[in-house]
Amino acid sequence: MGFSLERIEDKVELFEARDLSTLERKINEQIDINKALLLQVYHVSHNVYTDPNDGKPLYTAVIHFKAKN
């Protein structure tokens, strides 16, 4: 069995929460984790959806991380 180490060049992560403070906390925690992998935020995209069942907002974000040069 071989063991290989490869550097992560790109990583895309998805987040969702019912309020902005929770979404921000989740994103910041993942940014700290990805710093250890030598990844930095490259692009952020975010949206707000209204849940058709209860009418409450659902906040989402897509974060693209890229390797530091």
PDB file of N, CA and C in Angstrom:
ATOM      1  N   MET A   1       0.846  -1.180   0.000  1.00  0.00           N
ATOM      2  CA  MET A   1       0.000   0.000   0.000  1.00  0.00           C
ATOM      3  C   MET A   1       0.890   1.241   0.000  1.00  0.00           C
ATOM      4  N   GLY A   2       0.687   2.115  -0.947  1.00  0.00           N
ATOM      5  CA  GLY A   2       1.479   3.325  -1.045  1.00  0.00           C
ATOM      6  C   GLY A   2       0.842   4.492  -0.298  1.00  0.00           C
ATOM      7  N   PHE A   3       1.667   5.390   0.138  1.00  0.00           N
ATOM      8  CA  PHE A   3       1.207   6.584   0.847  1.00  0.00           C
ATOM      9  C   PHE A   3       1.722   7.794   0.084  1.00  0.00           C
ATOM     10  N   SER A   4       0.817   8.667  -0.289  1.00  0.00           N
ATOM     11  CA  SER A   4       1.195   9.820  -1.093  1.00  0.00           C
ATOM     12  C   SER A   4       0.645  11.098  -0.473  1.00  0.00           C
ATOM     13  N   LEU A   5       1.479  12.108  -0.419  1.00  0.00           N
ATOM     14  CA  LEU A   5       1.043  13.420   0.049  1.00  0.00           C
ATOM     15  C   LEU A   5       0.950  14.362  -1.137  1.00  0.00           C
ATOM     16  N   GLU A   6      -0.202  14.964  -1.294  1.00  0.00           N
ATOM     17  CA  GLU A   6      -0.391  15.931  -2.364  1.00  0.00           C
ATOM     18  C   GLU A   6      -0.968  17.208  -1.778  1.00  0.00           C
ATOM     19  N   ARG A   7      -0.532  18.307  -2.310  1.00  0.00           N
ATOM     20  CA  ARG A   7      -1.009  19.605  -1.854  1.00  0.00           C
ATOM     21  C   ARG A   7      -2.368  19.905  -2.470  1.00  0.00           C
ATOM     22  N   ILE A   8      -3.273  20.416  -1.672  1.00  0.00           N
ATOM     23  CA  ILE A   8      -4.587  20.827  -2.159  1.00  0.00           C
ATOM     24  C   ILE A   8      -4.434  22.195  -2.822  1.00  0.00           C
ATOM     25  N   GLU A   9      -4.834  22.299  -4.066  1.00  0.00           N
ATOM     26  CA  GLU A   9      -4.713  23.561  -4.802  1.00  0.00           C
ATOM     27  C   GLU A   9      -5.997  24.379  -4.740  1.00  0.00           C
ATOM     28  N   ASP A  10      -7.140  23.730  -4.871  1.00  0.00           N
ATOM     29  CA  ASP A  10      -8.437  24.395  -4.856  1.00  0.00           C
ATOM     30  C   ASP A  10      -9.396  23.601  -3.976  1.00  0.00           C
ATOM     31  N   LYS A  11     -10.281  24.342  -3.320  1.00  0.00           N
ATOM     32  CA  LYS A  11     -11.282  23.705  -2.474  1.00  0.00           C
ATOM     33  C   LYS A  11     -12.501  24.621  -2.439  1.00  0.00           C
ATOM     34  N   VAL A  12     -13.684  24.061  -2.646  1.00  0.00           N
ATOM     35  CA  VAL A  12     -14.926  24.828  -2.605  1.00  0.00           C
ATOM     36  C   VAL A  12     -15.777  24.264  -1.477  1.00  0.00           C
ATOM     37  N   GLU A  13     -16.269  25.149  -0.613  1.00  0.00           N
ATOM     38  CA  GLU A  13     -17.098  24.717   0.508  1.00  0.00           C
ATOM     39  C   GLU A  13     -18.406  25.494   0.521  1.00  0.00           C
ATOM     40  N   LEU A  14     -19.461  24.810   0.947  1.00  0.00           N
ATOM     41  CA  LEU A  14     -20.802  25.379   0.990  1.00  0.00           C
ATOM     42  C   LEU A  14     -21.252  25.506   2.439  1.00  0.00           C
ATOM     43  N   PHE A  15     -21.934  26.601   2.747  1.00  0.00           N
ATOM     44  CA  PHE A  15     -22.405  26.867   4.101  1.00  0.00           C
ATOM     45  C   PHE A  15     -23.852  27.343   4.047  1.00  0.00           C
ATOM     46  N   GLU A  16     -24.607  27.041   5.116  1.00  0.00           N
ATOM     47  CA  GLU A  16     -25.961  27.573   5.238  1.00  0.00           C
ATOM     48  C   GLU A  16     -26.297  27.738   6.709  1.00  0.00           C
ATOM     49  N   ALA A  17     -27.156  28.726   6.987  1.00  0.00           N
ATOM     50  CA  ALA A  17     -27.579  28.995   8.357  1.00  0.00           C
ATOM     51  C   ALA A  17     -28.866  29.804   8.323  1.00  0.00           C
ATOM     52  N   ARG A  18     -29.564  29.811   9.443  1.00  0.00           N
ATOM     53  CA  ARG A  18     -30.819  30.570   9.562  1.00  0.00           C
ATOM     54  C   ARG A  18     -30.595  32.039   9.907  1.00  0.00           C
ATOM     55  N   ASP A  19     -29.373  32.387  10.376  1.00  0.00           N
ATOM     56  CA  ASP A  19     -29.086  33.795  10.656  1.00  0.00           C
ATOM     57  C   ASP A  19     -27.650  34.107  10.248  1.00  0.00           C
ATOM     58  N   LEU A  20     -27.397  35.383  10.018  1.00  0.00           N
ATOM     59  CA  LEU A  20     -26.089  35.799   9.515  1.00  0.00           C
ATOM     60  C   LEU A  20     -24.955  35.553  10.496  1.00  0.00           C
ATOM     61  N   SER A  21     -25.211  35.718  11.788  1.00  0.00           N
ATOM     62  CA  SER A  21     -24.135  35.528  12.769  1.00  0.00           C
ATOM     63  C   SER A  21     -23.666  34.078  12.800  1.00  0.00           C
ATOM     64  N   THR A  22     -24.590  33.138  12.674  1.00  0.00           N
ATOM     65  CA  THR A  22     -24.215  31.725  12.641  1.00  0.00           C
ATOM     66  C   THR A  22     -23.445  31.406  11.368  1.00  0.00           C
ATOM     67  N   LEU A  23     -23.893  31.941  10.251  1.00  0.00           N
ATOM     68  CA  LEU A  23     -23.202  31.731   8.980  1.00  0.00           C
ATOM     69  C   LEU A  23     -21.782  32.288   9.053  1.00  0.00           C
ATOM     70  N   GLU A  24     -21.638  33.487   9.595  1.00  0.00           N
ATOM     71  CA  GLU A  24     -20.322  34.098   9.718  1.00  0.00           C
ATOM     72  C   GLU A  24     -19.406  33.273  10.614  1.00  0.00           C
ATOM     73  N   ARG A  25     -19.939  32.752  11.719  1.00  0.00           N
ATOM     74  CA  ARG A  25     -19.141  31.931  12.637  1.00  0.00           C
ATOM     75  C   ARG A  25     -18.661  30.660  11.934  1.00  0.00           C
ATOM     76  N   LYS A  26     -19.543  29.998  11.196  1.00  0.00           N
ATOM     77  CA  LYS A  26     -19.177  28.777  10.477  1.00  0.00           C
ATOM     78  C   LYS A  26     -18.070  29.056   9.453  1.00  0.00           C
ATOM     79  N   ILE A  27     -18.214  30.150   8.719  1.00  0.00           N
ATOM     80  CA  ILE A  27     -17.222  30.499   7.703  1.00  0.00           C
ATOM     81  C   ILE A  27     -15.877  30.817   8.343  1.00  0.00           C
ATOM     82  N   ASN A  28     -15.876  31.604   9.405  1.00  0.00           N
ATOM     83  CA  ASN A  28     -14.623  31.958  10.073  1.00  0.00           C
ATOM     84  C   ASN A  28     -13.913  30.740  10.650  1.00  0.00           C
ATOM     85  N   GLU A  29     -14.670  29.796  11.193  1.00  0.00           N
ATOM     86  CA  GLU A  29     -14.060  28.567  11.706  1.00  0.00           C
ATOM     87  C   GLU A  29     -13.374  27.800  10.579  1.00  0.00           C
ATOM     88  N   GLN A  30     -14.024  27.714   9.430  1.00  0.00           N
ATOM     89  CA  GLN A  30     -13.446  26.971   8.307  1.00  0.00           C
ATOM     90  C   GLN A  30     -12.262  27.703   7.704  1.00  0.00           C
ATOM     91  N   ILE A  31     -12.281  29.021   7.707  1.00  0.00           N
ATOM     92  CA  ILE A  31     -11.127  29.790   7.224  1.00  0.00           C
ATOM     93  C   ILE A  31      -9.912  29.477   8.076  1.00  0.00           C
ATOM     94  N   ASP A  32     -10.080  29.416   9.399  1.00  0.00           N
ATOM     95  CA  ASP A  32      -8.964  29.089  10.295  1.00  0.00           C
ATOM     96  C   ASP A  32      -8.433  27.689  10.033  1.00  0.00           C
ATOM     97  N   ILE A  33      -9.332  26.733   9.794  1.00  0.00           N
ATOM     98  CA  ILE A  33      -8.907  25.363   9.502  1.00  0.00           C
ATOM     99  C   ILE A  33      -8.133  25.317   8.187  1.00  0.00           C
ATOM    100  N   ASN A  34      -8.627  26.026   7.182  1.00  0.00           N
ATOM    101  CA  ASN A  34      -7.977  26.001   5.869  1.00  0.00           C
ATOM    102  C   ASN A  34      -6.654  26.753   5.854  1.00  0.00           C
ATOM    103  N   LYS A  35      -6.448  27.682   6.775  1.00  0.00           N
ATOM    104  CA  LYS A  35      -5.146  28.350   6.883  1.00  0.00           C
ATOM    105  C   LYS A  35      -4.061  27.337   7.203  1.00  0.00           C
ATOM    106  N   ALA A  36      -4.404  26.331   8.011  1.00  0.00           N
ATOM    107  CA  ALA A  36      -3.439  25.282   8.343  1.00  0.00           C
ATOM    108  C   ALA A  36      -3.067  24.457   7.110  1.00  0.00           C
ATOM    109  N   LEU A  37      -3.964  24.405   6.140  1.00  0.00           N
ATOM    110  CA  LEU A  37      -3.705  23.697   4.878  1.00  0.00           C
ATOM    111  C   LEU A  37      -3.079  24.614   3.834  1.00  0.00           C
ATOM    112  N   LEU A  38      -2.721  25.827   4.249  1.00  0.00           N
ATOM    113  CA  LEU A  38      -2.134  26.852   3.382  1.00  0.00           C
ATOM    114  C   LEU A  38      -3.070  27.266   2.254  1.00  0.00           C
ATOM    115  N   LEU A  39      -4.365  27.351   2.590  1.00  0.00           N
ATOM    116  CA  LEU A  39      -5.370  27.819   1.644  1.00  0.00           C
ATOM    117  C   LEU A  39      -5.886  29.177   2.086  1.00  0.00           C
ATOM    118  N   GLN A  40      -6.173  30.031   1.140  1.00  0.00           N
ATOM    119  CA  GLN A  40      -6.741  31.342   1.449  1.00  0.00           C
ATOM    120  C   GLN A  40      -8.023  31.542   0.648  1.00  0.00           C
ATOM    121  N   VAL A  41      -8.857  32.448   1.111  1.00  0.00           N
ATOM    122  CA  VAL A  41     -10.123  32.728   0.433  1.00  0.00           C
ATOM    123  C   VAL A  41      -9.825  33.394  -0.907  1.00  0.00           C
ATOM    124  N   TYR A  42     -10.401  32.833  -1.964  1.00  0.00           N
ATOM    125  CA  TYR A  42     -10.224  33.364  -3.305  1.00  0.00           C
ATOM    126  C   TYR A  42     -11.483  34.083  -3.782  1.00  0.00           C
ATOM    127  N   HIS A  43     -12.646  33.495  -3.489  1.00  0.00           N
ATOM    128  CA  HIS A  43     -13.903  34.084  -3.941  1.00  0.00           C
ATOM    129  C   HIS A  43     -15.027  33.688  -2.991  1.00  0.00           C
ATOM    130  N   VAL A  44     -15.940  34.628  -2.769  1.00  0.00           N
ATOM    131  CA  VAL A  44     -17.111  34.378  -1.916  1.00  0.00           C
ATOM    132  C   VAL A  44     -18.364  34.742  -2.697  1.00  0.00           C
ATOM    133  N   SER A  45     -19.344  33.862  -2.629  1.00  0.00           N
ATOM    134  CA  SER A  45     -20.649  34.115  -3.225  1.00  0.00           C
ATOM    135  C   SER A  45     -21.699  33.803  -2.165  1.00  0.00           C
ATOM    136  N   HIS A  46     -22.704  34.671  -2.037  1.00  0.00           N
ATOM    137  CA  HIS A  46     -23.706  34.450  -0.998  1.00  0.00           C
ATOM    138  C   HIS A  46     -25.098  34.777  -1.520  1.00  0.00           C
ATOM    139  N   ASN A  47     -26.099  34.144  -0.913  1.00  0.00           N
ATOM    140  CA  ASN A  47     -27.494  34.343  -1.299  1.00  0.00           C
ATOM    141  C   ASN A  47     -28.384  34.230  -0.077  1.00  0.00           C
ATOM    142  N   VAL A  48     -29.588  34.775  -0.202  1.00  0.00           N
ATOM    143  CA  VAL A  48     -30.615  34.627   0.829  1.00  0.00           C
ATOM    144  C   VAL A  48     -31.845  34.050   0.146  1.00  0.00           C
ATOM    145  N   TYR A  49     -32.360  32.987   0.713  1.00  0.00           N
ATOM    146  CA  TYR A  49     -33.563  32.351   0.206  1.00  0.00           C
ATOM    147  C   TYR A  49     -34.641  32.413   1.267  1.00  0.00           C
ATOM    148  N   THR A  50     -35.869  32.471   0.848  1.00  0.00           N
ATOM    149  CA  THR A  50     -36.995  32.394   1.777  1.00  0.00           C
ATOM    150  C   THR A  50     -37.534  30.973   1.729  1.00  0.00           C
ATOM    151  N   ASP A  51     -37.568  30.334   2.886  1.00  0.00           N
ATOM    152  CA  ASP A  51     -38.076  28.970   2.984  1.00  0.00           C
ATOM    153  C   ASP A  51     -39.577  28.995   2.699  1.00  0.00           C
ATOM    154  N   PRO A  52     -40.037  28.269   1.699  1.00  0.00           N
ATOM    155  CA  PRO A  52     -41.461  28.305   1.357  1.00  0.00           C
ATOM    156  C   PRO A  52     -42.356  27.687   2.438  1.00  0.00           C
ATOM    157  N   ASN A  53     -41.788  26.854   3.293  1.00  0.00           N
ATOM    158  CA  ASN A  53     -42.582  26.196   4.339  1.00  0.00           C
ATOM    159  C   ASN A  53     -42.885  27.106   5.519  1.00  0.00           C
ATOM    160  N   ASP A  54     -41.877  27.887   5.948  1.00  0.00           N
ATOM    161  CA  ASP A  54     -42.100  28.730   7.125  1.00  0.00           C
ATOM    162  C   ASP A  54     -41.874  30.221   6.868  1.00  0.00           C
ATOM    163  N   GLY A  55     -41.437  30.588   5.670  1.00  0.00           N
ATOM    164  CA  GLY A  55     -41.263  31.991   5.325  1.00  0.00           C
ATOM    165  C   GLY A  55     -40.033  32.649   5.931  1.00  0.00           C
ATOM    166  N   LYS A  56     -39.197  31.882   6.603  1.00  0.00           N
ATOM    167  CA  LYS A  56     -37.985  32.434   7.226  1.00  0.00           C
ATOM    168  C   LYS A  56     -36.832  32.412   6.240  1.00  0.00           C
ATOM    169  N   PRO A  57     -35.895  33.349   6.396  1.00  0.00           N
ATOM    170  CA  PRO A  57     -34.761  33.390   5.476  1.00  0.00           C
ATOM    171  C   PRO A  57     -33.754  32.265   5.765  1.00  0.00           C
ATOM    172  N   LEU A  58     -33.101  31.816   4.707  1.00  0.00           N
ATOM    173  CA  LEU A  58     -32.014  30.853   4.800  1.00  0.00           C
ATOM    174  C   LEU A  58     -30.828  31.487   4.084  1.00  0.00           C
ATOM    175  N   TYR A  59     -29.763  31.723   4.821  1.00  0.00           N
ATOM    176  CA  TYR A  59     -28.573  32.363   4.283  1.00  0.00           C
ATOM    177  C   TYR A  59     -27.589  31.286   3.833  1.00  0.00           C
ATOM    178  N   THR A  60     -27.048  31.438   2.630  1.00  0.00           N
ATOM    179  CA  THR A  60     -26.094  30.470   2.103  1.00  0.00           C
ATOM    180  C   THR A  60     -24.855  31.197   1.596  1.00  0.00           C
ATOM    181  N   ALA A  61     -23.744  30.468   1.574  1.00  0.00           N
ATOM    182  CA  ALA A  61     -22.496  31.018   1.044  1.00  0.00           C
ATOM    183  C   ALA A  61     -21.689  29.899   0.404  1.00  0.00           C
ATOM    184  N   VAL A  62     -21.001  30.252  -0.664  1.00  0.00           N
ATOM    185  CA  VAL A  62     -20.056  29.358  -1.319  1.00  0.00           C
ATOM    186  C   VAL A  62     -18.700  30.048  -1.241  1.00  0.00           C
ATOM    187  N   ILE A  63     -17.724  29.359  -0.662  1.00  0.00           N
ATOM    188  CA  ILE A  63     -16.384  29.918  -0.505  1.00  0.00           C
ATOM    189  C   ILE A  63     -15.414  29.087  -1.332  1.00  0.00           C
ATOM    190  N   HIS A  64     -14.658  29.746  -2.210  1.00  0.00           N
ATOM    191  CA  HIS A  64     -13.634  29.092  -3.003  1.00  0.00           C
ATOM    192  C   HIS A  64     -12.287  29.427  -2.360  1.00  0.00           C
ATOM    193  N   PHE A  65     -11.583  28.382  -1.928  1.00  0.00           N
ATOM    194  CA  PHE A  65     -10.254  28.529  -1.350  1.00  0.00           C
ATOM    195  C   PHE A  65      -9.209  28.116  -2.393  1.00  0.00           C
ATOM    196  N   LYS A  66      -8.101  28.837  -2.436  1.00  0.00           N
ATOM    197  CA  LYS A  66      -6.987  28.505  -3.325  1.00  0.00           C
ATOM    198  C   LYS A  66      -5.706  28.459  -2.506  1.00  0.00           C
ATOM    199  N   ALA A  67      -4.756  27.693  -3.007  1.00  0.00           N
ATOM    200  CA  ALA A  67      -3.478  27.562  -2.341  1.00  0.00           C
ATOM    201  C   ALA A  67      -2.727  28.897  -2.368  1.00  0.00           C
ATOM    202  N   LYS A  68      -2.042  29.186  -1.275  1.00  0.00           N
ATOM    203  CA  LYS A  68      -1.215  30.386  -1.215  1.00  0.00           C
ATOM    204  C   LYS A  68       0.007  30.189  -2.081  1.00  0.00           C
ATOM    205  N   ASN A  69       0.418  31.219  -2.779  1.00  0.00           N
ATOM    206  CA  ASN A  69       1.603  31.120  -3.645  1.00  0.00           C
ATOM    207  C   ASN A  69       2.840  31.506  -2.902  1.00  0.00           C
TER     208      ASN A  69
END
